[in-house]
């Protein structure tokens, strides 16, 4: 029987990747609530980011996602 996906539990690859960027590049400064994941995911898609390209190694998409996470860290600090 497959494991149920809980929104607050980052089991999805996109959420794990955002969490990794937050820990590695921002020192875990961002409070990653389900709403924050959704905000970053929507921003990524609106800016033309592609998860398919990102997971195939697109540097441009990684840079875009890092930029969005860092912008949210700045916004959260102020």
Protein backbone atom coordinates (compact mmCIF):
# COMPACT_ATOMS: atom_id res chain seq x y z
CA UNK A 1 0.00 0.00 0.00
CA UNK A 2 1.49 3.40 -0.97
CA UNK A 3 2.31 5.92 1.70
CA UNK A 4 -0.13 8.84 1.94
CA UNK A 5 1.32 12.24 1.02
CA UNK A 6 0.97 14.78 3.80
CA UNK A 7 1.30 18.41 2.73
CA UNK A 8 3.43 19.41 5.74
CA UNK A 9 5.80 16.47 5.24
CA UNK A 10 8.16 17.28 2.34
CA UNK A 11 8.14 13.95 0.51
CA UNK A 12 7.94 15.40 -2.96
CA UNK A 13 11.15 15.96 -4.89
CA UNK A 14 10.44 19.65 -5.46
CA UNK A 15 9.93 20.25 -1.74
CA UNK A 16 13.08 18.32 -0.84
CA UNK A 17 15.07 20.36 -3.35
CA UNK A 18 13.75 23.67 -1.96
CA UNK A 19 14.56 22.46 1.55
CA UNK A 20 18.09 21.54 0.43
CA UNK A 21 18.65 25.00 -1.07
CA UNK A 22 17.35 26.60 2.11
CA UNK A 23 19.73 24.56 4.31
CA UNK A 24 22.79 24.67 2.08
CA UNK A 25 22.71 28.22 0.69
CA UNK A 26 20.68 30.09 3.33
CA UNK A 27 21.66 28.24 6.50
CA UNK A 28 18.09 27.11 7.11
CA UNK A 29 16.96 30.73 7.59
CA UNK A 30 13.62 30.25 5.82
CA UNK A 31 10.64 28.86 7.70
CA UNK A 32 9.31 26.33 5.19
CA UNK A 33 5.59 26.07 5.81
CA UNK A 34 3.29 24.47 3.22
CA UNK A 35 2.24 27.98 2.15
CA UNK A 36 5.89 28.98 1.63
CA UNK A 37 6.50 25.92 -0.56
CA UNK A 38 3.46 26.88 -2.64
CA UNK A 39 4.62 30.48 -2.94
CA UNK A 40 8.09 29.45 -4.14
CA UNK A 41 6.66 26.83 -6.51
CA UNK A 42 4.25 29.34 -8.08
CA UNK A 43 7.02 31.92 -8.45
CA UNK A 44 9.30 29.35 -10.06
CA UNK A 45 6.68 28.43 -12.64
CA UNK A 46 5.70 32.06 -13.29
CA UNK A 47 9.34 32.96 -13.98
CA UNK A 48 9.55 30.20 -16.58
CA UNK A 49 11.28 27.59 -14.45
CA UNK A 50 10.89 23.93 -15.33
CA UNK A 51 11.23 21.05 -12.88
CA UNK A 52 11.92 18.72 -15.79
CA UNK A 53 14.90 20.83 -16.88
CA UNK A 54 16.05 21.37 -13.30
CA UNK A 55 16.19 17.65 -12.51
CA UNK A 56 17.97 17.05 -15.82
CA UNK A 57 20.70 19.47 -14.70
CA UNK A 58 19.67 22.92 -15.96
CA UNK A 59 21.92 25.46 -14.27
CA UNK A 60 19.58 28.31 -15.21
CA UNK A 61 16.68 26.71 -13.35
CA UNK A 62 18.81 26.01 -10.27
CA UNK A 63 19.95 29.65 -10.23
CA UNK A 64 16.34 30.82 -10.57
CA UNK A 65 15.20 28.64 -7.68
CA UNK A 66 18.09 29.82 -5.50
CA UNK A 67 17.18 33.42 -6.33
CA UNK A 68 13.56 32.85 -5.30
CA UNK A 69 14.49 31.15 -2.02
CA UNK A 70 16.98 33.91 -1.14
CA UNK A 71 14.37 36.57 -1.94
CA UNK A 72 11.94 34.91 0.47
CA UNK A 73 14.65 34.82 3.16
CA UNK A 74 15.17 38.56 2.72
CA UNK A 75 11.44 39.18 2.80
CA UNK A 76 11.02 37.07 5.95
CA UNK A 77 13.84 38.90 7.77
CA UNK A 78 12.33 42.35 7.16
